[in-house]
Amino acid sequence: RLAPGMLTSVDTFRAGVAQDCVEQLGVDIVNDV
């Protein structure tokens, strides 16, 4: 809402969370510690 078009990554080590963030939330990058 506040930064449309900004590149986003999700910081998670869980595959299911990563998948939902990409497919449902439009996250661009997966950041796996």
PDB file of all heavy atoms in Angstrom:
ATOM      1  N   ARG A   1       0.821  -1.212   0.000  1.00  0.00           N
ATOM      2  CA  ARG A   1       0.000   0.000   0.000  1.00  0.00           C
ATOM      3  C   ARG A   1       0.854   1.261   0.000  1.00  0.00           C
ATOM      4  O   ARG A   1       0.543   2.238  -0.697  1.00  0.00           O
ATOM      5  CB  ARG A   1      -0.938  -0.008   1.216  1.00  0.00           C
ATOM      6  CG  ARG A   1      -1.755   1.266   1.392  1.00  0.00           C
ATOM      7  CD  ARG A   1      -2.938   1.060   2.305  1.00  0.00           C
ATOM      8  NE  ARG A   1      -2.596   0.425   3.560  1.00  0.00           N
ATOM      9  CZ  ARG A   1      -2.146   1.065   4.639  1.00  0.00           C
ATOM     10  NH1 ARG A   1      -1.965   2.396   4.595  1.00  0.00           N
ATOM     11  NH2 ARG A   1      -1.879   0.419   5.761  1.00  0.00           N
ATOM     12  N   LEU A   2       1.932   1.247   0.765  1.00  0.00           N
ATOM     13  CA  LEU A   2       2.745   2.458   0.917  1.00  0.00           C
ATOM     14  C   LEU A   2       3.924   2.518  -0.051  1.00  0.00           C
ATOM     15  O   LEU A   2       4.445   3.602  -0.311  1.00  0.00           O
ATOM     16  CB  LEU A   2       3.271   2.548   2.355  1.00  0.00           C
ATOM     17  CG  LEU A   2       2.222   2.667   3.462  1.00  0.00           C
ATOM     18  CD1 LEU A   2       2.905   2.763   4.818  1.00  0.00           C
ATOM     19  CD2 LEU A   2       1.327   3.881   3.240  1.00  0.00           C
ATOM     20  N   ALA A   3       4.340   1.366  -0.561  1.00  0.00           N
ATOM     21  CA  ALA A   3       5.500   1.341  -1.449  1.00  0.00           C
ATOM     22  C   ALA A   3       5.227   0.455  -2.655  1.00  0.00           C
ATOM     23  O   ALA A   3       5.951  -0.517  -2.896  1.00  0.00           O
ATOM     24  CB  ALA A   3       6.724   0.844  -0.686  1.00  0.00           C
ATOM     25  N   PRO A   4       4.193   0.777  -3.431  1.00  0.00           N
ATOM     26  CA  PRO A   4       3.879  -0.060  -4.593  1.00  0.00           C
ATOM     27  C   PRO A   4       5.046  -0.068  -5.581  1.00  0.00           C
ATOM     28  O   PRO A   4       5.643   0.966  -5.858  1.00  0.00           O
ATOM     29  CB  PRO A   4       2.637   0.622  -5.188  1.00  0.00           C
ATOM     30  CG  PRO A   4       2.701   2.037  -4.696  1.00  0.00           C
ATOM     31  CD  PRO A   4       3.310   1.960  -3.342  1.00  0.00           C
ATOM     32  N   GLY A   5       5.364  -1.243  -6.065  1.00  0.00           N
ATOM     33  CA  GLY A   5       6.467  -1.358  -7.013  1.00  0.00           C
ATOM     34  C   GLY A   5       7.820  -1.602  -6.378  1.00  0.00           C
ATOM     35  O   GLY A   5       8.788  -1.917  -7.087  1.00  0.00           O
ATOM     36  N   MET A   6       7.911  -1.465  -5.058  1.00  0.00           N
ATOM     37  CA  MET A   6       9.175  -1.717  -4.363  1.00  0.00           C
ATOM     38  C   MET A   6       9.487  -3.208  -4.395  1.00  0.00           C
ATOM     39  O   MET A   6       8.621  -4.045  -4.151  1.00  0.00           O
ATOM     40  CB  MET A   6       9.083  -1.243  -2.909  1.00  0.00           C
ATOM     41  CG  MET A   6      10.291  -1.574  -2.042  1.00  0.00           C
ATOM     42  SD  MET A   6      11.697  -0.471  -2.283  1.00  0.00           S
ATOM     43  CE  MET A   6      11.168   0.976  -1.346  1.00  0.00           C
ATOM     44  N   LEU A   7      10.729  -3.572  -4.701  1.00  0.00           N
ATOM     45  CA  LEU A   7      11.142  -4.966  -4.631  1.00  0.00           C
ATOM     46  C   LEU A   7      11.041  -5.452  -3.189  1.00  0.00           C
ATOM     47  O   LEU A   7      11.451  -4.752  -2.248  1.00  0.00           O
ATOM     48  CB  LEU A   7      12.587  -5.120  -5.094  1.00  0.00           C
ATOM     49  CG  LEU A   7      12.864  -5.350  -6.571  1.00  0.00           C
ATOM     50  CD1 LEU A   7      14.371  -5.400  -6.797  1.00  0.00           C
ATOM     51  CD2 LEU A   7      12.217  -6.632  -7.061  1.00  0.00           C
ATOM     52  N   THR A   8      10.489  -6.661  -3.013  1.00  0.00           N
ATOM     53  CA  THR A   8      10.322  -7.203  -1.670  1.00  0.00           C
ATOM     54  C   THR A   8      10.916  -8.598  -1.581  1.00  0.00           C
ATOM     55  O   THR A   8      10.885  -9.373  -2.532  1.00  0.00           O
ATOM     56  CB  THR A   8       8.838  -7.284  -1.286  1.00  0.00           C
ATOM     57  OG1 THR A   8       8.132  -8.066  -2.257  1.00  0.00           O
ATOM     58  CG2 THR A   8       8.227  -5.886  -1.200  1.00  0.00           C
ATOM     59  N   SER A   9      11.464  -8.904  -0.419  1.00  0.00           N
ATOM     60  CA  SER A   9      11.913 -10.266  -0.144  1.00  0.00           C
ATOM     61  C   SER A   9      11.305 -10.712   1.172  1.00  0.00           C
ATOM     62  O   SER A   9      11.012  -9.892   2.052  1.00  0.00           O
ATOM     63  CB  SER A   9      13.440 -10.347  -0.081  1.00  0.00           C
ATOM     64  OG  SER A   9      13.953  -9.562   0.975  1.00  0.00           O
ATOM     65  N   VAL A  10      11.115 -12.028   1.310  1.00  0.00           N
ATOM     66  CA  VAL A  10      10.614 -12.589   2.555  1.00  0.00           C
ATOM     67  C   VAL A  10      11.738 -13.352   3.228  1.00  0.00           C
ATOM     68  O   VAL A  10      12.393 -14.187   2.614  1.00  0.00           O
ATOM     69  CB  VAL A  10       9.381 -13.498   2.337  1.00  0.00           C
ATOM     70  CG1 VAL A  10       9.691 -14.655   1.395  1.00  0.00           C
ATOM     71  CG2 VAL A  10       8.862 -14.019   3.673  1.00  0.00           C
ATOM     72  N   ASP A  11      11.981 -13.043   4.477  1.00  0.00           N
ATOM     73  CA  ASP A  11      13.028 -13.660   5.276  1.00  0.00           C
ATOM     74  C   ASP A  11      12.409 -14.852   6.005  1.00  0.00           C
ATOM     75  O   ASP A  11      11.814 -14.703   7.069  1.00  0.00           O
ATOM     76  CB  ASP A  11      13.577 -12.622   6.253  1.00  0.00           C
ATOM     77  CG  ASP A  11      14.691 -13.151   7.134  1.00  0.00           C
ATOM     78  OD1 ASP A  11      15.033 -14.350   7.015  1.00  0.00           O
ATOM     79  OD2 ASP A  11      15.214 -12.376   7.950  1.00  0.00           O
ATOM     80  N   THR A  12      12.533 -16.046   5.422  1.00  0.00           N
ATOM     81  CA  THR A  12      11.980 -17.252   6.030  1.00  0.00           C
ATOM     82  C   THR A  12      12.785 -18.464   5.602  1.00  0.00           C
ATOM     83  O   THR A  12      13.360 -18.477   4.513  1.00  0.00           O
ATOM     84  CB  THR A  12      10.499 -17.452   5.630  1.00  0.00           C
ATOM     85  OG1 THR A  12       9.964 -18.577   6.346  1.00  0.00           O
ATOM     86  CG2 THR A  12      10.350 -17.688   4.126  1.00  0.00           C
ATOM     87  N   PHE A  13      12.834 -19.474   6.478  1.00  0.00           N
ATOM     88  CA  PHE A  13      13.497 -20.735   6.113  1.00  0.00           C
ATOM     89  C   PHE A  13      12.466 -21.821   5.805  1.00  0.00           C
ATOM     90  O   PHE A  13      12.833 -22.964   5.555  1.00  0.00           O
ATOM     91  CB  PHE A  13      14.439 -21.202   7.220  1.00  0.00           C
ATOM     92  CG  PHE A  13      13.775 -21.412   8.564  1.00  0.00           C
ATOM     93  CD1 PHE A  13      13.084 -22.584   8.848  1.00  0.00           C
ATOM     94  CD2 PHE A  13      13.838 -20.432   9.541  1.00  0.00           C
ATOM     95  CE1 PHE A  13      12.476 -22.776  10.077  1.00  0.00           C
ATOM     96  CE2 PHE A  13      13.239 -20.616  10.782  1.00  0.00           C
ATOM     97  CZ  PHE A  13      12.553 -21.791  11.052  1.00  0.00           C
ATOM     98  N   ARG A  14      11.179 -21.459   5.821  1.00  0.00           N
ATOM     99  CA  ARG A  14      10.114 -22.437   5.606  1.00  0.00           C
ATOM    100  C   ARG A  14       9.594 -22.363   4.174  1.00  0.00           C
ATOM    101  O   ARG A  14       9.154 -21.309   3.708  1.00  0.00           O
ATOM    102  CB  ARG A  14       8.975 -22.179   6.572  1.00  0.00           C
ATOM    103  CG  ARG A  14       9.309 -22.534   8.020  1.00  0.00           C
ATOM    104  CD  ARG A  14       8.252 -22.044   8.957  1.00  0.00           C
ATOM    105  NE  ARG A  14       8.379 -22.650  10.275  1.00  0.00           N
ATOM    106  CZ  ARG A  14       7.991 -22.057  11.412  1.00  0.00           C
ATOM    107  NH1 ARG A  14       7.436 -20.849  11.365  1.00  0.00           N
ATOM    108  NH2 ARG A  14       8.134 -22.676  12.560  1.00  0.00           N
ATOM    109  N   ALA A  15       9.615 -23.515   3.493  1.00  0.00           N
ATOM    110  CA  ALA A  15       9.194 -23.561   2.097  1.00  0.00           C
ATOM    111  C   ALA A  15       7.725 -23.181   1.938  1.00  0.00           C
ATOM    112  O   ALA A  15       7.360 -22.444   1.012  1.00  0.00           O
ATOM    113  CB  ALA A  15       9.436 -24.961   1.532  1.00  0.00           C
ATOM    114  N   GLY A  16       6.870 -23.664   2.816  1.00  0.00           N
ATOM    115  CA  GLY A  16       5.448 -23.363   2.704  1.00  0.00           C
ATOM    116  C   GLY A  16       5.158 -21.890   2.881  1.00  0.00           C
ATOM    117  O   GLY A  16       4.334 -21.312   2.152  1.00  0.00           O
ATOM    118  N   VAL A  17       5.826 -21.270   3.833  1.00  0.00           N
ATOM    119  CA  VAL A  17       5.646 -19.833   4.050  1.00  0.00           C
ATOM    120  C   VAL A  17       6.165 -19.060   2.845  1.00  0.00           C
ATOM    121  O   VAL A  17       5.524 -18.107   2.380  1.00  0.00           O
ATOM    122  CB  VAL A  17       6.363 -19.393   5.342  1.00  0.00           C
ATOM    123  CG1 VAL A  17       6.343 -17.866   5.475  1.00  0.00           C
ATOM    124  CG2 VAL A  17       5.710 -20.033   6.565  1.00  0.00           C
ATOM    125  N   ALA A  18       7.320 -19.465   2.334  1.00  0.00           N
ATOM    126  CA  ALA A  18       7.872 -18.802   1.151  1.00  0.00           C
ATOM    127  C   ALA A  18       6.915 -18.895  -0.021  1.00  0.00           C
ATOM    128  O   ALA A  18       6.666 -17.904  -0.728  1.00  0.00           O
ATOM    129  CB  ALA A  18       9.218 -19.420   0.784  1.00  0.00           C
ATOM    130  N   GLN A  19       6.372 -20.073  -0.251  1.00  0.00           N
ATOM    131  CA  GLN A  19       5.450 -20.254  -1.376  1.00  0.00           C
ATOM    132  C   GLN A  19       4.215 -19.381  -1.232  1.00  0.00           C
ATOM    133  O   GLN A  19       3.805 -18.710  -2.196  1.00  0.00           O
ATOM    134  CB  GLN A  19       5.026 -21.724  -1.469  1.00  0.00           C
ATOM    135  CG  GLN A  19       4.008 -21.988  -2.584  1.00  0.00           C
ATOM    136  CD  GLN A  19       3.752 -23.464  -2.795  1.00  0.00           C
ATOM    137  OE1 GLN A  19       4.669 -24.271  -2.758  1.00  0.00           O
ATOM    138  NE2 GLN A  19       2.491 -23.827  -3.002  1.00  0.00           N
ATOM    139  N   ASP A  20       3.629 -19.343  -0.051  1.00  0.00           N
ATOM    140  CA  ASP A  20       2.431 -18.527   0.151  1.00  0.00           C
ATOM    141  C   ASP A  20       2.742 -17.040  -0.017  1.00  0.00           C
ATOM    142  O   ASP A  20       1.922 -16.279  -0.554  1.00  0.00           O
ATOM    143  CB  ASP A  20       1.845 -18.781   1.537  1.00  0.00           C
ATOM    144  CG  ASP A  20       1.182 -20.154   1.650  1.00  0.00           C
ATOM    145  OD1 ASP A  20       0.893 -20.763   0.591  1.00  0.00           O
ATOM    146  OD2 ASP A  20       0.964 -20.615   2.784  1.00  0.00           O
ATOM    147  N   CYS A  21       3.915 -16.628   0.435  1.00  0.00           N
ATOM    148  CA  CYS A  21       4.278 -15.215   0.314  1.00  0.00           C
ATOM    149  C   CYS A  21       4.458 -14.809  -1.145  1.00  0.00           C
ATOM    150  O   CYS A  21       4.077 -13.704  -1.538  1.00  0.00           O
ATOM    151  CB  CYS A  21       5.556 -14.928   1.102  1.00  0.00           C
ATOM    152  SG  CYS A  21       5.302 -14.857   2.885  1.00  0.00           S
ATOM    153  N   VAL A  22       5.036 -15.696  -1.938  1.00  0.00           N
ATOM    154  CA  VAL A  22       5.223 -15.397  -3.363  1.00  0.00           C
ATOM    155  C   VAL A  22       3.889 -15.444  -4.101  1.00  0.00           C
ATOM    156  O   VAL A  22       3.533 -14.527  -4.848  1.00  0.00           O
ATOM    157  CB  VAL A  22       6.232 -16.376  -3.993  1.00  0.00           C
ATOM    158  CG1 VAL A  22       6.271 -16.208  -5.520  1.00  0.00           C
ATOM    159  CG2 VAL A  22       7.624 -16.152  -3.404  1.00  0.00           C
ATOM    160  N   GLU A  23       3.131 -16.518  -3.894  1.00  0.00           N
ATOM    161  CA  GLU A  23       1.905 -16.727  -4.671  1.00  0.00           C
ATOM    162  C   GLU A  23       0.738 -15.885  -4.182  1.00  0.00           C
ATOM    163  O   GLU A  23      -0.080 -15.432  -4.994  1.00  0.00           O
ATOM    164  CB  GLU A  23       1.529 -18.204  -4.645  1.00  0.00           C
ATOM    165  CG  GLU A  23       2.540 -19.099  -5.342  1.00  0.00           C
ATOM    166  CD  GLU A  23       2.138 -20.555  -5.378  1.00  0.00           C
ATOM    167  OE1 GLU A  23       1.289 -20.959  -4.543  1.00  0.00           O
ATOM    168  OE2 GLU A  23       2.655 -21.298  -6.230  1.00  0.00           O
ATOM    169  N   GLN A  24       0.648 -15.663  -2.884  1.00  0.00           N
ATOM    170  CA  GLN A  24      -0.506 -14.939  -2.341  1.00  0.00           C
ATOM    171  C   GLN A  24      -0.215 -13.470  -2.023  1.00  0.00           C
ATOM    172  O   GLN A  24      -1.114 -12.634  -2.105  1.00  0.00           O
ATOM    173  CB  GLN A  24      -1.008 -15.640  -1.060  1.00  0.00           C
ATOM    174  CG  GLN A  24      -1.313 -17.111  -1.225  1.00  0.00           C
ATOM    175  CD  GLN A  24      -2.401 -17.385  -2.248  1.00  0.00           C
ATOM    176  OE1 GLN A  24      -3.358 -16.621  -2.384  1.00  0.00           O
ATOM    177  NE2 GLN A  24      -2.261 -18.484  -2.991  1.00  0.00           N
ATOM    178  N   LEU A  25       1.026 -13.165  -1.670  1.00  0.00           N
ATOM    179  CA  LEU A  25       1.355 -11.808  -1.225  1.00  0.00           C
ATOM    180  C   LEU A  25       2.217 -11.041  -2.222  1.00  0.00           C
ATOM    181  O   LEU A  25       2.523  -9.880  -1.993  1.00  0.00           O
ATOM    182  CB  LEU A  25       2.067 -11.866   0.135  1.00  0.00           C
ATOM    183  CG  LEU A  25       1.328 -12.601   1.262  1.00  0.00           C
ATOM    184  CD1 LEU A  25       2.136 -12.529   2.546  1.00  0.00           C
ATOM    185  CD2 LEU A  25      -0.079 -12.028   1.469  1.00  0.00           C
ATOM    186  N   GLY A  26       2.625 -11.690  -3.313  1.00  0.00           N
ATOM    187  CA  GLY A  26       3.372 -10.980  -4.347  1.00  0.00           C
ATOM    188  C   GLY A  26       4.806 -10.661  -4.007  1.00  0.00           C
ATOM    189  O   GLY A  26       5.390  -9.719  -4.570  1.00  0.00           O
ATOM    190  N   VAL A  27       5.415 -11.445  -3.119  1.00  0.00           N
ATOM    191  CA  VAL A  27       6.821 -11.229  -2.774  1.00  0.00           C
ATOM    192  C   VAL A  27       7.704 -11.618  -3.962  1.00  0.00           C
ATOM    193  O   VAL A  27       7.429 -12.588  -4.667  1.00  0.00           O
ATOM    194  CB  VAL A  27       7.191 -12.045  -1.515  1.00  0.00           C
ATOM    195  CG1 VAL A  27       8.692 -12.080  -1.311  1.00  0.00           C
ATOM    196  CG2 VAL A  27       6.494 -11.453  -0.292  1.00  0.00           C
ATOM    197  N   ASP A  28       8.793 -10.867  -4.167  1.00  0.00           N
ATOM    198  CA  ASP A  28       9.666 -11.075  -5.328  1.00  0.00           C
ATOM    199  C   ASP A  28      10.804 -12.055  -5.085  1.00  0.00           C
ATOM    200  O   ASP A  28      11.249 -12.737  -6.011  1.00  0.00           O
ATOM    201  CB  ASP A  28      10.282  -9.730  -5.760  1.00  0.00           C
ATOM    202  CG  ASP A  28       9.233  -8.701  -6.129  1.00  0.00           C
ATOM    203  OD1 ASP A  28       8.491  -8.940  -7.089  1.00  0.00           O
ATOM    204  OD2 ASP A  28       9.165  -7.659  -5.444  1.00  0.00           O
ATOM    205  N   ILE A  29      11.328 -12.102  -3.851  1.00  0.00           N
ATOM    206  CA  ILE A  29      12.580 -12.796  -3.558  1.00  0.00           C
ATOM    207  C   ILE A  29      12.416 -13.600  -2.280  1.00  0.00           C
ATOM    208  O   ILE A  29      11.747 -13.154  -1.331  1.00  0.00           O
ATOM    209  CB  ILE A  29      13.720 -11.768  -3.371  1.00  0.00           C
ATOM    210  CG1 ILE A  29      13.870 -10.887  -4.612  1.00  0.00           C
ATOM    211  CG2 ILE A  29      15.042 -12.446  -3.025  1.00  0.00           C
ATOM    212  CD1 ILE A  29      14.522  -9.553  -4.340  1.00  0.00           C
ATOM    213  N   VAL A  30      13.035 -14.776  -2.221  1.00  0.00           N
ATOM    214  CA  VAL A  30      13.058 -15.575  -0.998  1.00  0.00           C
ATOM    215  C   VAL A  30      14.440 -15.460  -0.371  1.00  0.00           C
ATOM    216  O   VAL A  30      15.451 -15.724  -1.029  1.00  0.00           O
ATOM    217  CB  VAL A  30      12.721 -17.052  -1.282  1.00  0.00           C
ATOM    218  CG1 VAL A  30      12.908 -17.892  -0.020  1.00  0.00           C
ATOM    219  CG2 VAL A  30      11.292 -17.184  -1.803  1.00  0.00           C
ATOM    220  N   ASN A  31      14.474 -15.069   0.891  1.00  0.00           N
ATOM    221  CA  ASN A  31      15.718 -14.881   1.641  1.00  0.00           C
ATOM    222  C   ASN A  31      15.767 -15.934   2.740  1.00  0.00           C
ATOM    223  O   ASN A  31      15.062 -15.829   3.744  1.00  0.00           O
ATOM    224  CB  ASN A  31      15.752 -13.469   2.230  1.00  0.00           C
ATOM    225  CG  ASN A  31      17.022 -13.198   3.017  1.00  0.00           C
ATOM    226  OD1 ASN A  31      17.976 -13.956   2.973  1.00  0.00           O
ATOM    227  ND2 ASN A  31      17.034 -12.099   3.759  1.00  0.00           N
ATOM    228  N   ASP A  32      16.586 -16.962   2.543  1.00  0.00           N
ATOM    229  CA  ASP A  32      16.610 -18.131   3.422  1.00  0.00           C
ATOM    230  C   ASP A  32      17.887 -18.152   4.245  1.00  0.00           C
ATOM    231  O   ASP A  32      18.953 -18.487   3.741  1.00  0.00           O
ATOM    232  CB  ASP A  32      16.494 -19.394   2.556  1.00  0.00           C
ATOM    233  CG  ASP A  32      16.525 -20.685   3.351  1.00  0.00           C
ATOM    234  OD1 ASP A  32      16.506 -20.624   4.601  1.00  0.00           O
ATOM    235  OD2 ASP A  32      16.576 -21.759   2.725  1.00  0.00           O
ATOM    236  N   VAL A  33      17.769 -17.842   5.545  1.00  0.00           N
ATOM    237  CA  VAL A  33      18.956 -17.801   6.399  1.00  0.00           C
ATOM    238  C   VAL A  33      19.579 -19.179   6.582  1.00  0.00           C
ATOM    239  O   VAL A  33      20.751 -19.296   6.946  1.00  0.00           O
ATOM    240  CB  VAL A  33      18.640 -17.207   7.792  1.00  0.00           C
ATOM    241  CG1 VAL A  33      18.171 -15.774   7.681  1.00  0.00           C
ATOM    242  CG2 VAL A  33      17.640 -18.062   8.563  1.00  0.00           C
TER     243      VAL A  33
END
